[in-house]
Amino acid sequence: MTDTIGVILAGGLARRMGGGDKAMREIAGRTILQRVIDRVGPQCSGLILNANGDPARFASFGLTVVPDDVPDFAGPLAGILAALDWTAQHRPETQWVVSAAADCPFLPRDLVARFHALRREEDAKLCVARSDGQTHPVIGLWSVNLRHDLRKALVEEDCRKIDRWTARHALATVDWPTRPVDPFFNANTPHDLAEAERLAALDD
C-alpha cells in the first residue's frame, strides 16, 4: 500500500439538509461519517477529518480535526489544501492525500489502490473518480507537492471550482461501476437519506 493520508471532507454548510452536520445523520443505524471512516480508513496510513467550528462534536470518532485556513467557506478545495498542509507538516514522508466526501456512505473499498494504479500508469499528479459518466472531483488523489500551487489559486486567484484547478495539472480519471450501488451516491437531502436506507441493504 502506498503511504497515503485520507481526509474526509465535512466542511460544507449542508444547506440542502437544513444545516448542521449531515455526516452525523444515520443510515441503517450508523452515521454516514462512521460509514465513510469504515470504508476509507483501512485503505490509508492515516485518516483526518476536515471540518470547521467546534471540533469537540466529532470527538467520539477519534480523528484529528483539521479546519480550513482559507476564510469564508471557500469550498472543498480549501479542505483539500488544509489536508495537504497538515500532511506536509505532520507526515512529511507522505506524498499523497486521498479525499472523500463525508456524505458518501458507499465509497469503494478499492478507491486508493485504483487511484494509485492509474496515476502511475498515466504519470499523473492528481486522480478523480467517475461513475455513470459523471465525474466526482471531491473524491480524489492529490500530490502533496501541489499544495503551494493550490494555495495560490485559492487565495490569489479566488479559484474555487475543483475542475478549473485540476485542469492545470496531469489528471487521471478512474471509472467505477454503478451496480448494485453507485459508490459515489451522496446524501444531500432528506429524500437522499431515505434512498440510502434502501441502498444500504444492497451494499452492506
Protein backbone atom coordinates (compact mmCIF):
# COMPACT_ATOMS: atom_id res chain seq x y z
CA MET A 1 0.00 0.00 0.00
CA THR A 2 1.39 3.39 -1.00
CA ASP A 3 1.67 5.68 2.02
CA THR A 4 -1.47 7.83 1.74
CA ILE A 5 -3.28 10.10 4.19
CA GLY A 6 -7.05 10.12 3.90
CA VAL A 7 -9.12 13.23 4.53
CA ILE A 8 -12.88 13.18 4.98
CA LEU A 9 -14.31 16.50 3.84
CA ALA A 10 -17.05 17.64 6.22
CA GLY A 11 -16.58 21.40 5.97
CA GLY A 12 -19.72 22.20 3.97
CA LEU A 13 -22.78 24.09 5.17
CA ALA A 14 -25.33 21.31 4.39
CA ARG A 15 -27.93 23.83 3.20
CA ARG A 16 -30.00 21.22 1.33
CA MET A 17 -30.18 19.12 4.50
CA GLY A 18 -31.38 22.08 6.55
CA GLY A 19 -27.98 22.89 8.03
CA GLY A 20 -25.96 21.08 10.67
CA ASP A 21 -23.60 18.16 10.14
CA LYS A 22 -25.20 15.90 7.56
CA ALA A 23 -22.42 13.37 8.14
CA MET A 24 -23.95 12.78 11.58
CA ARG A 25 -27.27 11.60 10.10
CA GLU A 26 -27.83 7.87 10.38
CA ILE A 27 -28.34 5.23 7.71
CA ALA A 28 -29.41 1.80 8.91
CA GLY A 29 -28.23 2.53 12.44
CA ARG A 30 -24.82 4.02 11.64
CA THR A 31 -23.86 7.62 10.99
CA ILE A 32 -22.81 8.48 7.46
CA LEU A 33 -19.46 9.61 8.85
CA GLN A 34 -18.83 6.25 10.51
CA ARG A 35 -19.64 4.52 7.23
CA VAL A 36 -17.11 6.72 5.41
CA ILE A 37 -14.48 6.03 8.10
CA ASP A 38 -15.09 2.28 7.83
CA ARG A 39 -14.70 2.42 4.05
CA VAL A 40 -11.72 4.75 3.69
CA GLY A 41 -9.76 4.17 6.88
CA PRO A 42 -8.43 0.68 6.09
CA GLN A 43 -7.12 1.94 2.73
CA CYS A 44 -4.95 4.68 4.24
CA SER A 45 -1.92 5.01 6.50
CA GLY A 46 -3.72 7.73 8.46
CA LEU A 47 -7.12 9.44 8.45
CA ILE A 48 -8.08 13.02 9.32
CA LEU A 49 -11.32 14.99 9.22
CA ASN A 50 -11.67 18.41 7.63
CA ALA A 51 -14.39 20.34 9.46
CA ASN A 52 -14.98 23.87 10.70
CA GLY A 53 -16.45 25.04 14.00
CA ASP A 54 -16.16 23.23 17.33
CA PRO A 55 -14.15 20.02 16.78
CA ALA A 56 -15.49 18.50 20.01
CA ARG A 57 -18.67 17.38 18.24
CA PHE A 58 -16.57 14.78 16.41
CA ALA A 59 -14.59 13.60 19.44
CA SER A 60 -16.24 10.18 19.55
CA PHE A 61 -14.78 9.28 16.15
CA GLY A 62 -11.17 9.59 17.32
CA LEU A 63 -9.94 11.57 14.31
CA THR A 64 -7.73 14.65 14.17
CA VAL A 65 -9.96 17.52 13.03
CA VAL A 66 -8.28 19.96 10.65
CA PRO A 67 -10.20 23.17 9.83
CA ASP A 68 -9.90 25.30 6.70
CA ASP A 69 -7.41 28.12 6.97
CA VAL A 70 -8.81 29.90 3.91
CA PRO A 71 -11.69 32.08 5.15
CA ASP A 72 -15.34 32.34 4.11
CA PHE A 73 -16.09 28.68 3.41
CA ALA A 74 -14.03 28.52 0.22
CA GLY A 75 -15.39 25.07 -0.65
CA PRO A 76 -13.84 21.62 -0.91
CA LEU A 77 -10.56 22.90 -2.35
CA ALA A 78 -9.96 24.66 0.98
CA GLY A 79 -10.43 21.35 2.78
CA ILE A 80 -8.08 19.60 0.40
CA LEU A 81 -5.49 22.33 0.92
CA ALA A 82 -5.82 22.01 4.70
CA ALA A 83 -5.17 18.27 4.39
CA LEU A 84 -2.15 18.75 2.12
CA ASP A 85 -0.66 21.30 4.52
CA TRP A 86 -1.35 19.06 7.54
CA THR A 87 0.31 16.11 5.83
CA ALA A 88 3.38 18.16 4.87
CA GLN A 89 3.76 19.30 8.47
CA HIS A 90 2.89 16.13 10.40
CA ARG A 91 3.70 13.34 7.94
CA PRO A 92 6.48 14.79 5.77
CA GLU A 93 7.38 11.35 4.41
CA THR A 94 3.91 11.02 2.86
CA GLN A 95 3.44 12.36 -0.66
CA TRP A 96 -0.22 11.59 -1.30
CA VAL A 97 -3.60 12.54 0.14
CA VAL A 98 -6.90 10.94 -0.84
CA SER A 99 -10.07 12.95 -0.24
CA ALA A 100 -13.57 11.62 0.34
CA ALA A 101 -16.84 13.43 0.86
CA ALA A 102 -18.40 12.98 4.29
CA ASP A 103 -21.82 12.41 2.70
CA CYS A 104 -20.88 9.37 0.57
CA PRO A 105 -21.77 6.26 2.61
CA PHE A 106 -20.99 3.64 -0.05
CA LEU A 107 -17.46 4.55 -1.14
CA PRO A 108 -15.48 1.81 -2.92
CA ARG A 109 -13.15 -0.33 -0.85
CA ASP A 110 -10.56 -0.25 -3.67
CA LEU A 111 -10.57 3.55 -4.02
CA VAL A 112 -6.96 4.25 -3.04
CA ALA A 113 -5.47 1.21 -4.81
CA ARG A 114 -7.15 2.04 -8.12
CA PHE A 115 -6.22 5.70 -7.87
CA HIS A 116 -2.54 4.86 -7.38
CA ALA A 117 -2.57 2.24 -10.15
CA LEU A 118 -3.86 4.68 -12.75
CA ARG A 119 -1.79 7.67 -11.67
CA ARG A 120 1.33 5.50 -12.03
CA GLU A 121 0.20 4.27 -15.42
CA GLU A 122 -0.55 7.79 -16.67
CA ASP A 123 2.20 9.58 -14.68
CA ALA A 124 -0.47 11.84 -13.17
CA LYS A 125 -0.26 14.20 -10.20
CA LEU A 126 -3.98 14.03 -9.50
CA CYS A 127 -6.77 11.47 -9.84
CA VAL A 128 -10.53 11.86 -9.59
CA ALA A 129 -13.39 9.36 -9.61
CA ARG A 130 -16.13 8.91 -12.19
CA SER A 131 -19.26 6.77 -12.36
CA ASP A 132 -22.01 6.58 -14.96
CA GLY A 133 -20.25 9.29 -16.98
CA GLN A 134 -20.26 11.77 -14.08
CA THR A 135 -17.01 12.98 -12.57
CA HIS A 136 -16.82 13.31 -8.78
CA PRO A 137 -13.99 15.82 -8.28
CA VAL A 138 -14.25 15.83 -4.46
CA ILE A 139 -13.27 12.14 -4.48
CA GLY A 140 -9.64 12.40 -5.50
CA LEU A 141 -5.97 11.66 -5.02
CA TRP A 142 -3.70 14.68 -4.61
CA SER A 143 0.06 15.17 -4.64
CA VAL A 144 1.25 16.98 -1.52
CA ASN A 145 3.78 18.78 -3.73
CA LEU A 146 0.93 20.76 -5.32
CA ARG A 147 -0.13 22.47 -2.11
CA HIS A 148 1.65 25.76 -2.84
CA ASP A 149 0.08 25.95 -6.29
CA LEU A 150 -3.33 25.23 -4.79
CA ARG A 151 -2.93 27.90 -2.12
CA LYS A 152 -2.02 30.47 -4.76
CA ALA A 153 -5.06 29.50 -6.83
CA LEU A 154 -7.39 29.78 -3.83
CA VAL A 155 -6.00 32.87 -2.13
CA GLU A 156 -4.67 34.97 -5.01
CA GLU A 157 -6.95 33.88 -7.86
CA ASP A 158 -10.12 33.03 -5.91
CA CYS A 159 -10.27 29.75 -7.85
CA ARG A 160 -12.89 27.68 -6.05
CA LYS A 161 -14.01 25.20 -8.71
CA ILE A 162 -12.10 21.95 -8.43
CA ASP A 163 -12.34 21.24 -12.16
CA ARG A 164 -10.83 24.60 -13.01
CA TRP A 165 -7.76 23.93 -10.87
CA THR A 166 -7.26 20.25 -11.75
CA ALA A 167 -7.33 21.15 -15.46
CA ARG A 168 -3.92 22.79 -14.97
CA HIS A 169 -2.23 19.53 -13.99
CA ALA A 170 -1.74 15.97 -15.21
CA LEU A 171 -5.06 14.39 -14.22
CA ALA A 172 -6.21 10.77 -14.37
CA THR A 173 -9.86 9.74 -14.09
CA VAL A 174 -10.88 6.34 -12.71
CA ASP A 175 -14.26 4.80 -13.60
CA TRP A 176 -16.36 2.68 -11.25
CA PRO A 177 -19.46 0.60 -11.99
CA THR A 178 -22.78 1.69 -10.51
CA ARG A 179 -24.20 -1.78 -9.78
CA PRO A 180 -25.57 -2.78 -7.37
CA VAL A 181 -24.98 0.69 -5.86
CA ASP A 182 -23.26 3.78 -7.22
CA PRO A 183 -20.29 4.03 -4.81
CA PHE A 184 -20.41 7.82 -5.06
CA PHE A 185 -24.07 8.24 -4.14
CA ASN A 186 -24.21 11.21 -1.80
CA ALA A 187 -26.83 12.07 0.78
CA ASN A 188 -27.61 15.75 0.30
CA THR A 189 -31.32 15.90 1.09
CA PRO A 190 -33.82 14.15 3.36
CA HIS A 191 -35.04 12.28 0.26
CA ASP A 192 -31.50 11.04 -0.33
CA LEU A 193 -31.39 9.69 3.22
CA ALA A 194 -34.49 7.62 2.57
CA GLU A 195 -32.96 6.26 -0.63
CA ALA A 196 -29.73 5.49 1.23
CA GLU A 197 -31.65 3.35 3.70
CA ARG A 198 -32.84 1.24 0.77
CA LEU A 199 -29.40 1.05 -0.84
CA ALA A 200 -27.68 0.08 2.41
CA ALA A 201 -29.43 -3.28 2.30
CA LEU A 202 -27.87 -3.93 -1.11
CA ASP A 203 -24.39 -2.74 -0.25
CA ASP A 204 -23.61 -3.90 3.29
